[in-house]
Amino acid sequence: MLAYFIGALLGIVGIVFLIAATQGNAGFRILTGLVLIAAGIFIARITRMKVPDQRIIQEIDLSGDVHPEEMTCNNCGAPLDRDSISLREGGVFVDCPYCGTSYQIEEEPKW
C-alpha cells in the first residue's frame, strides 16, 4: 500500500513538473517530470509482481535409538504418534495429546 502511495506521489509531482515546463527552463523540467512519472509507474509495477510462496519445512533428525511409533508419555503412559513431536526453542519437545503434558526429550550420550 505504501509503495502505491509513493508511486502515485511521484507521478503527481512529475505531472506538476510537466505543467511547470511552460514557465521557462522547459528542458530540465520536462526531463525531471518524465523521470518522476516513469519512477512512479516502475514502483507501481514492482508492487504488482507476485512473490512465490515460501514454505519452511523443519525436519527433526534424532540421533540415537529413538522410535516415535513406540514412544509413550512420561506422565500418563499413553502412546505417542509422530505429530506429538515438535522442534521448539532449539530442542525436541513431546506434547501428549491425552494429558496435555509437554516435556523435552533429552538424549543420553552414546558412549
C-alpha atoms as a PDB file:
ATOM      1  CA  MET A   1       0.000   0.000   0.000  1.00  0.00           C
ATOM      2  CA  LEU A   2       2.856   2.359   0.858  1.00  0.00           C
ATOM      3  CA  ALA A   3       4.558   1.630  -2.464  1.00  0.00           C
ATOM      4  CA  TYR A   4       1.367   2.551  -4.366  1.00  0.00           C
ATOM      5  CA  PHE A   5       1.203   5.815  -2.431  1.00  0.00           C
ATOM      6  CA  ILE A   6       4.836   6.634  -3.211  1.00  0.00           C
ATOM      7  CA  GLY A   7       4.324   5.745  -6.890  1.00  0.00           C
ATOM      8  CA  ALA A   8       1.256   7.958  -7.121  1.00  0.00           C
ATOM      9  CA  LEU A   9       3.052  10.788  -5.351  1.00  0.00           C
ATOM     10  CA  LEU A  10       5.976  10.580  -7.775  1.00  0.00           C
ATOM     11  CA  GLY A  11       3.549  10.582 -10.696  1.00  0.00           C
ATOM     12  CA  ILE A  12       1.744  13.667  -9.396  1.00  0.00           C
ATOM     13  CA  VAL A  13       4.997  15.538  -8.796  1.00  0.00           C
ATOM     14  CA  GLY A  14       6.092  14.544 -12.311  1.00  0.00           C
ATOM     15  CA  ILE A  15       2.890  15.986 -13.755  1.00  0.00           C
ATOM     16  CA  VAL A  16       3.484  19.195 -11.791  1.00  0.00           C
ATOM     17  CA  PHE A  17       6.946  19.440 -13.340  1.00  0.00           C
ATOM     18  CA  LEU A  18       5.468  18.925 -16.820  1.00  0.00           C
ATOM     19  CA  ILE A  19       2.903  21.653 -16.201  1.00  0.00           C
ATOM     20  CA  ALA A  20       5.624  23.965 -14.858  1.00  0.00           C
ATOM     21  CA  ALA A  21       7.635  23.423 -18.054  1.00  0.00           C
ATOM     22  CA  THR A  22       5.504  26.097 -19.729  1.00  0.00           C
ATOM     23  CA  GLN A  23       7.043  28.780 -17.476  1.00  0.00           C
ATOM     24  CA  GLY A  24      10.678  28.536 -18.535  1.00  0.00           C
ATOM     25  CA  ASN A  25      13.729  26.260 -18.410  1.00  0.00           C
ATOM     26  CA  ALA A  26      11.488  23.705 -20.085  1.00  0.00           C
ATOM     27  CA  GLY A  27      14.181  21.153 -20.923  1.00  0.00           C
ATOM     28  CA  PHE A  28      15.105  20.440 -17.309  1.00  0.00           C
ATOM     29  CA  ARG A  29      11.510  20.417 -16.073  1.00  0.00           C
ATOM     30  CA  ILE A  30      10.259  18.130 -18.856  1.00  0.00           C
ATOM     31  CA  LEU A  31      13.107  15.681 -18.254  1.00  0.00           C
ATOM     32  CA  THR A  32      12.534  15.732 -14.485  1.00  0.00           C
ATOM     33  CA  GLY A  33       8.775  15.303 -14.919  1.00  0.00           C
ATOM     34  CA  LEU A  34       9.192  12.337 -17.264  1.00  0.00           C
ATOM     35  CA  VAL A  35      11.722  10.681 -14.954  1.00  0.00           C
ATOM     36  CA  LEU A  36       9.417  11.108 -11.946  1.00  0.00           C
ATOM     37  CA  ILE A  37       6.410   9.716 -13.831  1.00  0.00           C
ATOM     38  CA  ALA A  38       8.492   6.753 -15.039  1.00  0.00           C
ATOM     39  CA  ALA A  39       9.725   6.107 -11.481  1.00  0.00           C
ATOM     40  CA  GLY A  40       6.138   6.189 -10.172  1.00  0.00           C
ATOM     41  CA  ILE A  41       4.992   3.712 -12.826  1.00  0.00           C
ATOM     42  CA  PHE A  42       8.008   1.498 -12.144  1.00  0.00           C
ATOM     43  CA  ILE A  43       7.307   1.399  -8.388  1.00  0.00           C
ATOM     44  CA  ALA A  44       3.623   0.622  -9.003  1.00  0.00           C
ATOM     45  CA  ARG A  45       4.549  -2.219 -11.396  1.00  0.00           C
ATOM     46  CA  ILE A  46       7.041  -3.757  -8.997  1.00  0.00           C
ATOM     47  CA  THR A  47       4.459  -3.933  -6.220  1.00  0.00           C
ATOM     48  CA  ARG A  48       2.095  -5.835  -8.507  1.00  0.00           C
ATOM     49  CA  MET A  49       4.657  -8.611  -9.059  1.00  0.00           C
ATOM     50  CA  LYS A  50       3.793 -11.815  -7.289  1.00  0.00           C
ATOM     51  CA  VAL A  51       6.277 -13.242  -4.862  1.00  0.00           C
ATOM     52  CA  PRO A  52       6.383 -17.034  -4.941  1.00  0.00           C
ATOM     53  CA  ASP A  53       5.080 -18.762  -1.831  1.00  0.00           C
ATOM     54  CA  GLN A  54       7.829 -19.776   0.510  1.00  0.00           C
ATOM     55  CA  ARG A  55       7.372 -22.638   2.896  1.00  0.00           C
ATOM     56  CA  ILE A  56       9.775 -23.619   5.634  1.00  0.00           C
ATOM     57  CA  ILE A  57       9.920 -27.302   6.438  1.00  0.00           C
ATOM     58  CA  GLN A  58      11.520 -28.384   9.676  1.00  0.00           C
ATOM     59  CA  GLU A  59      12.792 -31.909   9.877  1.00  0.00           C
ATOM     60  CA  ILE A  60      13.840 -33.468  13.133  1.00  0.00           C
ATOM     61  CA  ASP A  61      16.744 -35.857  12.892  1.00  0.00           C
ATOM     62  CA  LEU A  62      17.198 -37.587  16.211  1.00  0.00           C
ATOM     63  CA  SER A  63      20.474 -39.317  16.784  1.00  0.00           C
ATOM     64  CA  GLY A  64      20.424 -42.461  18.792  1.00  0.00           C
ATOM     65  CA  ASP A  65      17.779 -45.154  19.169  1.00  0.00           C
ATOM     66  CA  VAL A  66      14.503 -43.198  19.126  1.00  0.00           C
ATOM     67  CA  HIS A  67      11.393 -44.741  17.581  1.00  0.00           C
ATOM     68  CA  PRO A  68       8.430 -42.351  17.735  1.00  0.00           C
ATOM     69  CA  GLU A  69       5.939 -45.118  16.970  1.00  0.00           C
ATOM     70  CA  GLU A  70       6.988 -46.868  20.190  1.00  0.00           C
ATOM     71  CA  MET A  71       7.152 -43.830  22.458  1.00  0.00           C
ATOM     72  CA  THR A  72       4.887 -43.349  25.441  1.00  0.00           C
ATOM     73  CA  CYS A  73       4.201 -40.281  27.534  1.00  0.00           C
ATOM     74  CA  ASN A  74       6.405 -39.957  30.610  1.00  0.00           C
ATOM     75  CA  ASN A  75       3.459 -38.593  32.624  1.00  0.00           C
ATOM     76  CA  CYS A  76       0.464 -40.793  31.735  1.00  0.00           C
ATOM     77  CA  GLY A  77       1.985 -43.621  29.675  1.00  0.00           C
ATOM     78  CA  ALA A  78      -0.258 -43.023  26.638  1.00  0.00           C
ATOM     79  CA  PRO A  79       1.138 -43.972  23.219  1.00  0.00           C
ATOM     80  CA  LEU A  80       2.514 -41.028  21.217  1.00  0.00           C
ATOM     81  CA  ASP A  81       2.497 -40.565  17.459  1.00  0.00           C
ATOM     82  CA  ARG A  82       4.786 -38.584  15.146  1.00  0.00           C
ATOM     83  CA  ASP A  83       2.565 -35.481  15.404  1.00  0.00           C
ATOM     84  CA  SER A  84       3.314 -35.265  19.127  1.00  0.00           C
ATOM     85  CA  ILE A  85       6.980 -34.408  18.489  1.00  0.00           C
ATOM     86  CA  SER A  86       7.966 -30.836  17.628  1.00  0.00           C
ATOM     87  CA  LEU A  87      11.066 -28.680  17.481  1.00  0.00           C
ATOM     88  CA  ARG A  88      10.895 -25.564  19.691  1.00  0.00           C
ATOM     89  CA  GLU A  89      13.482 -23.309  21.237  1.00  0.00           C
ATOM     90  CA  GLY A  90      16.282 -25.418  19.793  1.00  0.00           C
ATOM     91  CA  GLY A  91      15.124 -28.619  21.470  1.00  0.00           C
ATOM     92  CA  VAL A  92      12.934 -31.597  20.654  1.00  0.00           C
ATOM     93  CA  PHE A  93       9.681 -31.483  22.619  1.00  0.00           C
ATOM     94  CA  VAL A  94       6.892 -34.009  23.113  1.00  0.00           C
ATOM     95  CA  ASP A  95       3.297 -32.833  23.595  1.00  0.00           C
ATOM     96  CA  CYS A  96       0.974 -35.523  24.924  1.00  0.00           C
ATOM     97  CA  PRO A  97      -2.489 -35.257  23.317  1.00  0.00           C
ATOM     98  CA  TYR A  98      -4.057 -37.184  26.206  1.00  0.00           C
ATOM     99  CA  CYS A  99      -2.857 -35.431  29.367  1.00  0.00           C
ATOM    100  CA  GLY A 100      -1.506 -32.198  27.832  1.00  0.00           C
ATOM    101  CA  THR A 101       1.971 -32.608  29.296  1.00  0.00           C
ATOM    102  CA  SER A 102       4.862 -31.067  27.372  1.00  0.00           C
ATOM    103  CA  TYR A 103       8.453 -32.087  28.008  1.00  0.00           C
ATOM    104  CA  GLN A 104      11.791 -32.040  26.235  1.00  0.00           C
ATOM    105  CA  ILE A 105      13.466 -35.199  25.005  1.00  0.00           C
ATOM    106  CA  GLU A 106      16.986 -35.350  26.315  1.00  0.00           C
ATOM    107  CA  GLU A 107      19.318 -37.703  24.560  1.00  0.00           C
ATOM    108  CA  GLU A 108      21.913 -39.571  26.545  1.00  0.00           C
ATOM    109  CA  PRO A 109      25.422 -39.764  25.132  1.00  0.00           C
ATOM    110  CA  LYS A 110      26.180 -42.898  23.091  1.00  0.00           C
ATOM    111  CA  TRP A 111      29.469 -43.724  24.826  1.00  0.00           C
END
